[in-house]
């Protein structure tokens, strides 16, 4: 029987915080040369696209648990972000086409 290496789990590369916000490096680093990180507003990630959650290696069996835990956290963080994002666009919607609100993701389906 021939055994060859295979990819069965991709450990991704997007760095996230504990609330699944995707982080980006800021040009100005600290004194140790470590790049400072900032949140990319409205961008959340979970699962195989993320990196660093397990360190340099993932323990067997953690994949499904990671997807459930961080998927739930990402969903909650995204849901709490929506009112923030929609309130900043309310002023723009007042002057916009009234039909534009129909396509808005924050409009309840019963109002459509």
PDB file of N, CA and C in Angstrom:
ATOM      1  N   UNK A   1       0.843  -1.170   0.000  1.00  0.00           N
ATOM      2  CA  UNK A   1       0.000   0.000   0.000  1.00  0.00           C
ATOM      3  C   UNK A   1       0.891   1.237   0.000  1.00  0.00           C
ATOM      4  N   UNK A   2       0.639   2.114  -0.959  1.00  0.00           N
ATOM      5  CA  UNK A   2       1.404   3.346  -1.052  1.00  0.00           C
ATOM      6  C   UNK A   2       0.702   4.433  -0.240  1.00  0.00           C
ATOM      7  N   UNK A   3       1.464   5.152   0.571  1.00  0.00           N
ATOM      8  CA  UNK A   3       0.913   6.235   1.380  1.00  0.00           C
ATOM      9  C   UNK A   3       1.539   7.531   0.897  1.00  0.00           C
ATOM     10  N   UNK A   4       0.696   8.500   0.583  1.00  0.00           N
ATOM     11  CA  UNK A   4       1.192   9.800   0.122  1.00  0.00           C
ATOM     12  C   UNK A   4       0.559  10.905   0.950  1.00  0.00           C
ATOM     13  N   UNK A   5       1.244  12.014   1.056  1.00  0.00           N
ATOM     14  CA  UNK A   5       0.658  13.137   1.802  1.00  0.00           C
ATOM     15  C   UNK A   5      -0.570  13.688   1.076  1.00  0.00           C
ATOM     16  N   UNK A   6      -1.504  14.204   1.846  1.00  0.00           N
ATOM     17  CA  UNK A   6      -2.710  14.805   1.274  1.00  0.00           C
ATOM     18  C   UNK A   6      -3.158  15.964   2.153  1.00  0.00           C
ATOM     19  N   UNK A   7      -3.843  16.888   1.543  1.00  0.00           N
ATOM     20  CA  UNK A   7      -4.401  18.002   2.311  1.00  0.00           C
ATOM     21  C   UNK A   7      -5.820  17.621   2.701  1.00  0.00           C
ATOM     22  N   UNK A   8      -6.087  17.554   3.983  1.00  0.00           N
ATOM     23  CA  UNK A   8      -7.434  17.238   4.424  1.00  0.00           C
ATOM     24  C   UNK A   8      -8.045  18.386   5.209  1.00  0.00           C
ATOM     25  N   UNK A   9      -7.242  19.359   5.584  1.00  0.00           N
ATOM     26  CA  UNK A   9      -7.732  20.508   6.338  1.00  0.00           C
ATOM     27  C   UNK A   9      -6.819  21.675   6.044  1.00  0.00           C
ATOM     28  N   UNK A  10      -7.389  22.768   5.583  1.00  0.00           N
ATOM     29  CA  UNK A  10      -6.593  23.957   5.300  1.00  0.00           C
ATOM     30  C   UNK A  10      -6.691  24.880   6.492  1.00  0.00           C
ATOM     31  N   UNK A  11      -5.570  25.288   7.017  1.00  0.00           N
ATOM     32  CA  UNK A  11      -5.573  26.127   8.215  1.00  0.00           C
ATOM     33  C   UNK A  11      -5.658  27.610   7.879  1.00  0.00           C
ATOM     34  N   UNK A  12      -5.974  27.927   6.637  1.00  0.00           N
ATOM     35  CA  UNK A  12      -6.282  29.297   6.241  1.00  0.00           C
ATOM     36  C   UNK A  12      -5.184  30.296   6.501  1.00  0.00           C
ATOM     37  N   UNK A  13      -5.556  31.537   6.587  1.00  0.00           N
ATOM     38  CA  UNK A  13      -4.572  32.566   6.772  1.00  0.00           C
ATOM     39  C   UNK A  13      -5.112  33.871   7.300  1.00  0.00           C
ATOM     40  N   UNK A  14      -6.446  34.051   7.358  1.00  0.00           N
ATOM     41  CA  UNK A  14      -6.993  35.286   7.891  1.00  0.00           C
ATOM     42  C   UNK A  14      -6.884  35.265   9.408  1.00  0.00           C
ATOM     43  N   UNK A  15      -6.312  36.321   9.947  1.00  0.00           N
ATOM     44  CA  UNK A  15      -6.194  36.413  11.397  1.00  0.00           C
ATOM     45  C   UNK A  15      -7.457  37.063  11.940  1.00  0.00           C
ATOM     46  N   UNK A  16      -8.018  36.467  12.983  1.00  0.00           N
ATOM     47  CA  UNK A  16      -9.240  36.982  13.586  1.00  0.00           C
ATOM     48  C   UNK A  16      -9.025  37.243  15.069  1.00  0.00           C
ATOM     49  N   UNK A  17      -9.911  38.070  15.634  1.00  0.00           N
ATOM     50  CA  UNK A  17      -9.901  38.255  17.085  1.00  0.00           C
ATOM     51  C   UNK A  17     -10.923  37.313  17.718  1.00  0.00           C
ATOM     52  N   UNK A  18     -11.143  37.437  19.013  1.00  0.00           N
ATOM     53  CA  UNK A  18     -12.037  36.517  19.710  1.00  0.00           C
ATOM     54  C   UNK A  18     -13.497  36.651  19.275  1.00  0.00           C
ATOM     55  N   UNK A  19     -13.848  37.764  18.621  1.00  0.00           N
ATOM     56  CA  UNK A  19     -15.210  37.946  18.126  1.00  0.00           C
ATOM     57  C   UNK A  19     -15.297  37.736  16.618  1.00  0.00           C
ATOM     58  N   UNK A  20     -14.290  37.118  16.046  1.00  0.00           N
ATOM     59  CA  UNK A  20     -14.194  36.727  14.631  1.00  0.00           C
ATOM     60  C   UNK A  20     -14.061  37.890  13.661  1.00  0.00           C
ATOM     61  N   UNK A  21     -13.765  39.098  14.149  1.00  0.00           N
ATOM     62  CA  UNK A  21     -13.459  40.204  13.238  1.00  0.00           C
ATOM     63  C   UNK A  21     -12.144  39.871  12.534  1.00  0.00           C
ATOM     64  N   UNK A  22     -12.084  40.089  11.231  1.00  0.00           N
ATOM     65  CA  UNK A  22     -10.833  39.877  10.505  1.00  0.00           C
ATOM     66  C   UNK A  22      -9.916  41.061  10.795  1.00  0.00           C
ATOM     67  N   UNK A  23      -8.651  40.753  11.068  1.00  0.00           N
ATOM     68  CA  UNK A  23      -7.666  41.781  11.410  1.00  0.00           C
ATOM     69  C   UNK A  23      -6.720  42.034  10.243  1.00  0.00           C
ATOM     70  N   UNK A  24      -6.231  43.260  10.168  1.00  0.00           N
ATOM     71  CA  UNK A  24      -5.201  43.583   9.179  1.00  0.00           C
ATOM     72  C   UNK A  24      -4.051  44.280   9.893  1.00  0.00           C
ATOM     73  N   UNK A  25      -2.872  44.145   9.317  1.00  0.00           N
ATOM     74  CA  UNK A  25      -1.692  44.782   9.891  1.00  0.00           C
ATOM     75  C   UNK A  25      -1.719  46.269   9.573  1.00  0.00           C
ATOM     76  N   UNK A  26      -1.293  47.055  10.539  1.00  0.00           N
ATOM     77  CA  UNK A  26      -1.157  48.493  10.359  1.00  0.00           C
ATOM     78  C   UNK A  26       0.317  48.754  10.107  1.00  0.00           C
ATOM     79  N   UNK A  27       0.624  49.715   9.260  1.00  0.00           N
ATOM     80  CA  UNK A  27       2.016  49.956   8.869  1.00  0.00           C
ATOM     81  C   UNK A  27       2.944  50.208  10.053  1.00  0.00           C
ATOM     82  N   UNK A  28       2.489  50.964  11.031  1.00  0.00           N
ATOM     83  CA  UNK A  28       3.340  51.268  12.175  1.00  0.00           C
ATOM     84  C   UNK A  28       3.302  50.123  13.170  1.00  0.00           C
ATOM     85  N   UNK A  29       4.423  49.464  13.359  1.00  0.00           N
ATOM     86  CA  UNK A  29       4.506  48.367  14.309  1.00  0.00           C
ATOM     87  C   UNK A  29       4.964  48.853  15.664  1.00  0.00           C
ATOM     88  N   UNK A  30       5.111  47.937  16.604  1.00  0.00           N
ATOM     89  CA  UNK A  30       5.601  48.315  17.915  1.00  0.00           C
ATOM     90  C   UNK A  30       7.132  48.272  17.929  1.00  0.00           C
ATOM     91  N   UNK A  31       7.712  48.499  19.084  1.00  0.00           N
ATOM     92  CA  UNK A  31       9.171  48.565  19.201  1.00  0.00           C
ATOM     93  C   UNK A  31       9.847  47.237  18.868  1.00  0.00           C
ATOM     94  N   UNK A  32       9.159  46.133  19.068  1.00  0.00           N
ATOM     95  CA  UNK A  32       9.735  44.825  18.791  1.00  0.00           C
ATOM     96  C   UNK A  32       9.630  44.460  17.311  1.00  0.00           C
ATOM     97  N   UNK A  33       9.041  45.356  16.511  1.00  0.00           N
ATOM     98  CA  UNK A  33       8.896  45.080  15.091  1.00  0.00           C
ATOM     99  C   UNK A  33       7.634  44.315  14.752  1.00  0.00           C
ATOM    100  N   UNK A  34       6.815  44.045  15.753  1.00  0.00           N
ATOM    101  CA  UNK A  34       5.554  43.333  15.544  1.00  0.00           C
ATOM    102  C   UNK A  34       4.531  44.319  14.995  1.00  0.00           C
ATOM    103  N   UNK A  35       3.895  43.977  13.880  1.00  0.00           N
ATOM    104  CA  UNK A  35       2.915  44.870  13.273  1.00  0.00           C
ATOM    105  C   UNK A  35       1.678  44.983  14.151  1.00  0.00           C
ATOM    106  N   UNK A  36       1.212  46.196  14.322  1.00  0.00           N
ATOM    107  CA  UNK A  36      -0.040  46.410  15.050  1.00  0.00           C
ATOM    108  C   UNK A  36      -1.185  45.922  14.172  1.00  0.00           C
ATOM    109  N   UNK A  37      -2.273  45.519  14.782  1.00  0.00           N
ATOM    110  CA  UNK A  37      -3.423  44.984  14.057  1.00  0.00           C
ATOM    111  C   UNK A  37      -4.641  45.864  14.303  1.00  0.00           C
ATOM    112  N   UNK A  38      -5.505  45.952  13.289  1.00  0.00           N
ATOM    113  CA  UNK A  38      -6.770  46.648  13.456  1.00  0.00           C
ATOM    114  C   UNK A  38      -7.879  45.835  12.800  1.00  0.00           C
ATOM    115  N   UNK A  39      -9.083  46.028  13.282  1.00  0.00           N
ATOM    116  CA  UNK A  39     -10.248  45.308  12.776  1.00  0.00           C
ATOM    117  C   UNK A  39     -10.665  45.892  11.430  1.00  0.00           C
ATOM    118  N   UNK A  40     -11.041  45.012  10.496  1.00  0.00           N
ATOM    119  CA  UNK A  40     -11.653  45.451   9.243  1.00  0.00           C
ATOM    120  C   UNK A  40     -13.159  45.461   9.507  1.00  0.00           C
ATOM    121  N   UNK A  41     -13.771  46.648   9.588  1.00  0.00           N
ATOM    122  CA  UNK A  41     -15.187  46.730   9.960  1.00  0.00           C
ATOM    123  C   UNK A  41     -16.087  45.937   9.011  1.00  0.00           C
ATOM    124  N   UNK A  42     -16.972  45.133   9.592  1.00  0.00           N
ATOM    125  CA  UNK A  42     -17.957  44.395   8.815  1.00  0.00           C
ATOM    126  C   UNK A  42     -17.476  43.108   8.191  1.00  0.00           C
ATOM    127  N   UNK A  43     -16.214  42.729   8.419  1.00  0.00           N
ATOM    128  CA  UNK A  43     -15.691  41.488   7.839  1.00  0.00           C
ATOM    129  C   UNK A  43     -15.441  40.482   8.960  1.00  0.00           C
ATOM    130  N   UNK A  44     -16.120  39.349   8.887  1.00  0.00           N
ATOM    131  CA  UNK A  44     -16.036  38.307   9.904  1.00  0.00           C
ATOM    132  C   UNK A  44     -15.628  37.008   9.228  1.00  0.00           C
ATOM    133  N   UNK A  45     -14.935  36.137   9.948  1.00  0.00           N
ATOM    134  CA  UNK A  45     -14.484  34.872   9.359  1.00  0.00           C
ATOM    135  C   UNK A  45     -14.500  33.772  10.408  1.00  0.00           C
ATOM    136  N   UNK A  46     -14.696  32.540   9.925  1.00  0.00           N
ATOM    137  CA  UNK A  46     -14.668  31.358  10.789  1.00  0.00           C
ATOM    138  C   UNK A  46     -14.342  30.149   9.929  1.00  0.00           C
ATOM    139  N   UNK A  47     -13.867  29.092  10.559  1.00  0.00           N
ATOM    140  CA  UNK A  47     -13.600  27.849   9.843  1.00  0.00           C
ATOM    141  C   UNK A  47     -12.233  27.815   9.182  1.00  0.00           C
ATOM    142  N   UNK A  48     -12.165  27.126   8.049  1.00  0.00           N
ATOM    143  CA  UNK A  48     -10.879  26.868   7.417  1.00  0.00           C
ATOM    144  C   UNK A  48     -10.210  28.097   6.821  1.00  0.00           C
ATOM    145  N   UNK A  49     -10.950  29.172   6.626  1.00  0.00           N
ATOM    146  CA  UNK A  49     -10.356  30.376   6.059  1.00  0.00           C
ATOM    147  C   UNK A  49      -9.505  31.129   7.096  1.00  0.00           C
ATOM    148  N   UNK A  50      -9.697  30.825   8.365  1.00  0.00           N
ATOM    149  CA  UNK A  50      -8.954  31.513   9.415  1.00  0.00           C
ATOM    150  C   UNK A  50      -7.654  30.782   9.732  1.00  0.00           C
ATOM    151  N   UNK A  51      -6.712  31.514  10.228  1.00  0.00           N
ATOM    152  CA  UNK A  51      -5.441  30.930  10.632  1.00  0.00           C
ATOM    153  C   UNK A  51      -5.061  31.417  12.014  1.00  0.00           C
ATOM    154  N   UNK A  52      -4.245  30.664  12.705  1.00  0.00           N
ATOM    155  CA  UNK A  52      -3.755  31.095  14.002  1.00  0.00           C
ATOM    156  C   UNK A  52      -4.595  30.686  15.189  1.00  0.00           C
ATOM    157  N   UNK A  53      -5.793  30.166  14.945  1.00  0.00           N
ATOM    158  CA  UNK A  53      -6.656  29.768  16.053  1.00  0.00           C
ATOM    159  C   UNK A  53      -6.034  28.606  16.815  1.00  0.00           C
ATOM    160  N   UNK A  54      -5.395  27.698  16.091  1.00  0.00           N
ATOM    161  CA  UNK A  54      -4.799  26.506  16.697  1.00  0.00           C
ATOM    162  C   UNK A  54      -3.293  26.620  16.885  1.00  0.00           C
ATOM    163  N   UNK A  55      -2.725  27.764  16.600  1.00  0.00           N
ATOM    164  CA  UNK A  55      -1.276  27.875  16.653  1.00  0.00           C
ATOM    165  C   UNK A  55      -0.678  27.282  15.400  1.00  0.00           C
ATOM    166  N   UNK A  56       0.428  26.580  15.517  1.00  0.00           N
ATOM    167  CA  UNK A  56       1.118  26.032  14.352  1.00  0.00           C
ATOM    168  C   UNK A  56       0.541  24.705  13.881  1.00  0.00           C
ATOM    169  N   UNK A  57      -0.287  24.068  14.706  1.00  0.00           N
ATOM    170  CA  UNK A  57      -0.828  22.775  14.331  1.00  0.00           C
ATOM    171  C   UNK A  57      -2.200  22.593  14.971  1.00  0.00           C
ATOM    172  N   UNK A  58      -3.073  21.893  14.274  1.00  0.00           N
ATOM    173  CA  UNK A  58      -4.417  21.630  14.773  1.00  0.00           C
ATOM    174  C   UNK A  58      -4.473  20.226  15.355  1.00  0.00           C
ATOM    175  N   UNK A  59      -5.071  20.104  16.518  1.00  0.00           N
ATOM    176  CA  UNK A  59      -5.265  18.782  17.105  1.00  0.00           C
ATOM    177  C   UNK A  59      -6.402  18.089  16.379  1.00  0.00           C
ATOM    178  N   UNK A  60      -6.256  16.805  16.134  1.00  0.00           N
ATOM    179  CA  UNK A  60      -7.315  16.047  15.473  1.00  0.00           C
ATOM    180  C   UNK A  60      -8.632  16.168  16.220  1.00  0.00           C
ATOM    181  N   UNK A  61      -9.709  16.351  15.495  1.00  0.00           N
ATOM    182  CA  UNK A  61     -11.017  16.459  16.108  1.00  0.00           C
ATOM    183  C   UNK A  61     -11.444  17.881  16.433  1.00  0.00           C
ATOM    184  N   UNK A  62     -10.545  18.833  16.348  1.00  0.00           N
ATOM    185  CA  UNK A  62     -10.899  20.208  16.681  1.00  0.00           C
ATOM    186  C   UNK A  62     -11.572  20.950  15.541  1.00  0.00           C
ATOM    187  N   UNK A  63     -11.501  20.417  14.338  1.00  0.00           N
ATOM    188  CA  UNK A  63     -12.028  21.103  13.168  1.00  0.00           C
ATOM    189  C   UNK A  63     -13.509  21.403  13.284  1.00  0.00           C
ATOM    190  N   UNK A  64     -14.316  20.403  13.564  1.00  0.00           N
ATOM    191  CA  UNK A  64     -15.762  20.598  13.655  1.00  0.00           C
ATOM    192  C   UNK A  64     -16.108  21.520  14.819  1.00  0.00           C
ATOM    193  N   UNK A  65     -15.460  21.329  15.947  1.00  0.00           N
ATOM    194  CA  UNK A  65     -15.718  22.172  17.108  1.00  0.00           C
ATOM    195  C   UNK A  65     -15.379  23.624  16.797  1.00  0.00           C
ATOM    196  N   UNK A  66     -14.268  23.846  16.110  1.00  0.00           N
ATOM    197  CA  UNK A  66     -13.879  25.213  15.738  1.00  0.00           C
ATOM    198  C   UNK A  66     -14.944  25.857  14.851  1.00  0.00           C
ATOM    199  N   UNK A  67     -15.429  25.122  13.861  1.00  0.00           N
ATOM    200  CA  UNK A  67     -16.452  25.665  12.952  1.00  0.00           C
ATOM    201  C   UNK A  67     -17.730  26.021  13.702  1.00  0.00           C
ATOM    202  N   UNK A  68     -18.134  25.184  14.642  1.00  0.00           N
ATOM    203  CA  UNK A  68     -19.355  25.445  15.405  1.00  0.00           C
ATOM    204  C   UNK A  68     -19.166  26.654  16.321  1.00  0.00           C
ATOM    205  N   UNK A  69     -18.097  26.664  17.090  1.00  0.00           N
ATOM    206  CA  UNK A  69     -17.871  27.742  18.051  1.00  0.00           C
ATOM    207  C   UNK A  69     -17.646  29.073  17.351  1.00  0.00           C
ATOM    208  N   UNK A  70     -16.706  29.117  16.419  1.00  0.00           N
ATOM    209  CA  UNK A  70     -16.392  30.389  15.771  1.00  0.00           C
ATOM    210  C   UNK A  70     -17.446  30.773  14.748  1.00  0.00           C
ATOM    211  N   UNK A  71     -18.141  29.817  14.153  1.00  0.00           N
ATOM    212  CA  UNK A  71     -19.259  30.133  13.272  1.00  0.00           C
ATOM    213  C   UNK A  71     -20.375  30.828  14.028  1.00  0.00           C
ATOM    214  N   UNK A  72     -20.665  30.330  15.211  1.00  0.00           N
ATOM    215  CA  UNK A  72     -21.696  30.954  16.057  1.00  0.00           C
ATOM    216  C   UNK A  72     -21.263  32.350  16.487  1.00  0.00           C
ATOM    217  N   UNK A  73     -20.006  32.483  16.885  1.00  0.00           N
ATOM    218  CA  UNK A  73     -19.497  33.795  17.290  1.00  0.00           C
ATOM    219  C   UNK A  73     -19.533  34.778  16.115  1.00  0.00           C
ATOM    220  N   UNK A  74     -19.178  34.300  14.912  1.00  0.00           N
ATOM    221  CA  UNK A  74     -19.198  35.163  13.722  1.00  0.00           C
ATOM    222  C   UNK A  74     -20.624  35.601  13.416  1.00  0.00           C
ATOM    223  N   UNK A  75     -21.579  34.683  13.515  1.00  0.00           N
ATOM    224  CA  UNK A  75     -22.975  35.027  13.270  1.00  0.00           C
ATOM    225  C   UNK A  75     -23.494  36.069  14.237  1.00  0.00           C
ATOM    226  N   UNK A  76     -23.179  35.898  15.498  1.00  0.00           N
ATOM    227  CA  UNK A  76     -23.610  36.878  16.506  1.00  0.00           C
ATOM    228  C   UNK A  76     -22.950  38.238  16.294  1.00  0.00           C
ATOM    229  N   UNK A  77     -21.651  38.230  15.989  1.00  0.00           N
ATOM    230  CA  UNK A  77     -20.947  39.499  15.765  1.00  0.00           C
ATOM    231  C   UNK A  77     -21.483  40.209  14.521  1.00  0.00           C
ATOM    232  N   UNK A  78     -21.755  39.454  13.463  1.00  0.00           N
ATOM    233  CA  UNK A  78     -22.298  40.049  12.234  1.00  0.00           C
ATOM    234  C   UNK A  78     -23.702  40.594  12.488  1.00  0.00           C
ATOM    235  N   UNK A  79     -24.511  39.860  13.243  1.00  0.00           N
ATOM    236  CA  UNK A  79     -25.867  40.323  13.549  1.00  0.00           C
ATOM    237  C   UNK A  79     -25.840  41.611  14.364  1.00  0.00           C
ATOM    238  N   UNK A  80     -24.905  41.728  15.288  1.00  0.00           N
ATOM    239  CA  UNK A  80     -24.825  42.959  16.079  1.00  0.00           C
ATOM    240  C   UNK A  80     -24.219  44.096  15.271  1.00  0.00           C
ATOM    241  N   UNK A  81     -23.498  43.789  14.200  1.00  0.00           N
ATOM    242  CA  UNK A  81     -22.908  44.821  13.346  1.00  0.00           C
ATOM    243  C   UNK A  81     -23.962  45.450  12.441  1.00  0.00           C
ATOM    244  N   UNK A  82     -24.968  44.702  12.027  1.00  0.00           N
ATOM    245  CA  UNK A  82     -25.961  45.189  11.064  1.00  0.00           C
ATOM    246  C   UNK A  82     -26.663  46.463  11.537  1.00  0.00           C
ATOM    247  N   UNK A  83     -27.176  46.557  12.764  1.00  0.00           N
ATOM    248  CA  UNK A  83     -27.807  47.817  13.178  1.00  0.00           C
ATOM    249  C   UNK A  83     -26.841  48.996  13.125  1.00  0.00           C
ATOM    250  N   UNK A  84     -25.576  48.766  13.439  1.00  0.00           N
ATOM    251  CA  UNK A  84     -24.576  49.821  13.375  1.00  0.00           C
ATOM    252  C   UNK A  84     -24.396  50.289  11.943  1.00  0.00           C
ATOM    253  N   UNK A  85     -24.285  49.353  11.023  1.00  0.00           N
ATOM    254  CA  UNK A  85     -24.073  49.699   9.627  1.00  0.00           C
ATOM    255  C   UNK A  85     -25.306  50.368   9.041  1.00  0.00           C
ATOM    256  N   UNK A  86     -26.501  49.881   9.371  1.00  0.00           N
ATOM    257  CA  UNK A  86     -27.710  50.453   8.786  1.00  0.00           C
ATOM    258  C   UNK A  86     -28.006  51.836   9.353  1.00  0.00           C
ATOM    259  N   UNK A  87     -27.656  52.100  10.608  1.00  0.00           N
ATOM    260  CA  UNK A  87     -27.917  53.421  11.178  1.00  0.00           C
ATOM    261  C   UNK A  87     -27.033  54.480  10.545  1.00  0.00           C
ATOM    262  N   UNK A  88     -25.851  54.094  10.085  1.00  0.00           N
ATOM    263  CA  UNK A  88     -24.980  55.073   9.438  1.00  0.00           C
ATOM    264  C   UNK A  88     -25.435  55.386   8.028  1.00  0.00           C
ATOM    265  N   UNK A  89     -26.288  54.541   7.438  1.00  0.00           N
ATOM    266  CA  UNK A  89     -26.789  54.794   6.093  1.00  0.00           C
ATOM    267  C   UNK A  89     -28.210  55.338   6.100  1.00  0.00           C
ATOM    268  N   UNK A  90     -28.832  55.489   7.277  1.00  0.00           N
ATOM    269  CA  UNK A  90     -30.205  55.990   7.346  1.00  0.00           C
ATOM    270  C   UNK A  90     -30.338  57.372   6.717  1.00  0.00           C
ATOM    271  N   UNK A  91     -29.383  58.244   6.959  1.00  0.00           N
ATOM    272  CA  UNK A  91     -29.441  59.590   6.397  1.00  0.00           C
ATOM    273  C   UNK A  91     -29.374  59.550   4.885  1.00  0.00           C
ATOM    274  N   UNK A  92     -28.597  58.635   4.333  1.00  0.00           N
ATOM    275  CA  UNK A  92     -28.494  58.509   2.885  1.00  0.00           C
ATOM    276  C   UNK A  92     -29.791  57.962   2.302  1.00  0.00           C
ATOM    277  N   UNK A  93     -30.465  57.053   2.994  1.00  0.00           N
ATOM    278  CA  UNK A  93     -31.697  56.452   2.495  1.00  0.00           C
ATOM    279  C   UNK A  93     -32.844  57.450   2.455  1.00  0.00           C
ATOM    280  N   UNK A  94     -32.804  58.508   3.292  1.00  0.00           N
ATOM    281  CA  UNK A  94     -33.870  59.498   3.285  1.00  0.00           C
ATOM    282  C   UNK A  94     -33.979  60.197   1.941  1.00  0.00           C
ATOM    283  N   UNK A  95     -32.860  60.391   1.265  1.00  0.00           N
ATOM    284  CA  UNK A  95     -32.867  61.079  -0.018  1.00  0.00           C
ATOM    285  C   UNK A  95     -32.829  60.114  -1.188  1.00  0.00           C
ATOM    286  N   UNK A  96     -32.703  58.848  -0.922  1.00  0.00           N
ATOM    287  CA  UNK A  96     -32.604  57.847  -1.981  1.00  0.00           C
ATOM    288  C   UNK A  96     -33.983  57.443  -2.473  1.00  0.00           C
ATOM    289  N   UNK A  97     -34.005  56.655  -3.524  1.00  0.00           N
ATOM    290  CA  UNK A  97     -35.235  56.111  -4.092  1.00  0.00           C
ATOM    291  C   UNK A  97     -35.967  55.284  -3.034  1.00  0.00           C
ATOM    292  N   UNK A  98     -37.264  55.487  -2.814  1.00  0.00           N
ATOM    293  CA  UNK A  98     -37.992  54.721  -1.794  1.00  0.00           C
ATOM    294  C   UNK A  98     -37.978  53.213  -2.052  1.00  0.00           C
ATOM    295  N   UNK A  99     -37.877  52.796  -3.312  1.00  0.00           N
ATOM    296  CA  UNK A  99     -37.842  51.374  -3.627  1.00  0.00           C
ATOM    297  C   UNK A  99     -36.523  50.729  -3.205  1.00  0.00           C
ATOM    298  N   UNK A 100     -35.492  51.525  -2.948  1.00  0.00           N
ATOM    299  CA  UNK A 100     -34.195  50.980  -2.536  1.00  0.00           C
ATOM    300  C   UNK A 100     -34.311  50.284  -1.191  1.00  0.00           C
ATOM    301  N   UNK A 101     -35.241  50.734  -0.337  1.00  0.00           N
ATOM    302  CA  UNK A 101     -35.415  50.110   0.979  1.00  0.00           C
ATOM    303  C   UNK A 101     -35.936  48.685   0.857  1.00  0.00           C
ATOM    304  N   UNK A 102     -36.625  48.371  -0.230  1.00  0.00           N
ATOM    305  CA  UNK A 102     -37.156  47.028  -0.423  1.00  0.00           C
ATOM    306  C   UNK A 102     -36.027  46.022  -0.529  1.00  0.00           C
ATOM    307  N   UNK A 103     -34.932  46.417  -1.179  1.00  0.00           N
ATOM    308  CA  UNK A 103     -33.800  45.518  -1.372  1.00  0.00           C
ATOM    309  C   UNK A 103     -32.857  45.520  -0.186  1.00  0.00           C
ATOM    310  N   UNK A 104     -33.119  46.349   0.818  1.00  0.00           N
ATOM    311  CA  UNK A 104     -32.232  46.460   1.967  1.00  0.00           C
ATOM    312  C   UNK A 104     -32.250  45.176   2.777  1.00  0.00           C
ATOM    313  N   UNK A 105     -31.074  44.652   3.174  1.00  0.00           N
ATOM    314  CA  UNK A 105     -31.042  43.427   3.981  1.00  0.00           C
ATOM    315  C   UNK A 105     -31.599  43.626   5.382  1.00  0.00           C
ATOM    316  N   UNK A 106     -31.785  44.874   5.813  1.00  0.00           N
ATOM    317  CA  UNK A 106     -32.317  45.111   7.164  1.00  0.00           C
ATOM    318  C   UNK A 106     -33.817  45.254   7.162  1.00  0.00           C
ATOM    319  N   UNK A 107     -34.458  45.244   5.980  1.00  0.00           N
ATOM    320  CA  UNK A 107     -35.900  45.349   5.902  1.00  0.00           C
ATOM    321  C   UNK A 107     -36.519  43.973   6.199  1.00  0.00           C
ATOM    322  N   UNK A 108     -37.425  43.883   7.179  1.00  0.00           N
ATOM    323  CA  UNK A 108     -38.063  42.594   7.475  1.00  0.00           C
ATOM    324  C   UNK A 108     -38.837  42.102   6.245  1.00  0.00           C
ATOM    325  N   UNK A 109     -38.852  40.791   6.038  1.00  0.00           N
ATOM    326  CA  UNK A 109     -39.526  40.237   4.873  1.00  0.00           C
ATOM    327  C   UNK A 109     -41.019  40.521   4.894  1.00  0.00           C
ATOM    328  N   UNK A 110     -41.616  40.723   6.066  1.00  0.00           N
ATOM    329  CA  UNK A 110     -43.039  41.006   6.151  1.00  0.00           C
ATOM    330  C   UNK A 110     -43.357  42.405   5.633  1.00  0.00           C
ATOM    331  N   UNK A 111     -42.355  43.294   5.585  1.00  0.00           N
ATOM    332  CA  UNK A 111     -42.569  44.663   5.110  1.00  0.00           C
ATOM    333  C   UNK A 111     -42.420  44.774   3.608  1.00  0.00           C
ATOM    334  N   UNK A 112     -41.920  43.719   2.955  1.00  0.00           N
ATOM    335  CA  UNK A 112     -41.683  43.771   1.511  1.00  0.00           C
ATOM    336  C   UNK A 112     -42.945  43.465   0.755  1.00  0.00           C
TER     337      UNK A 112
END
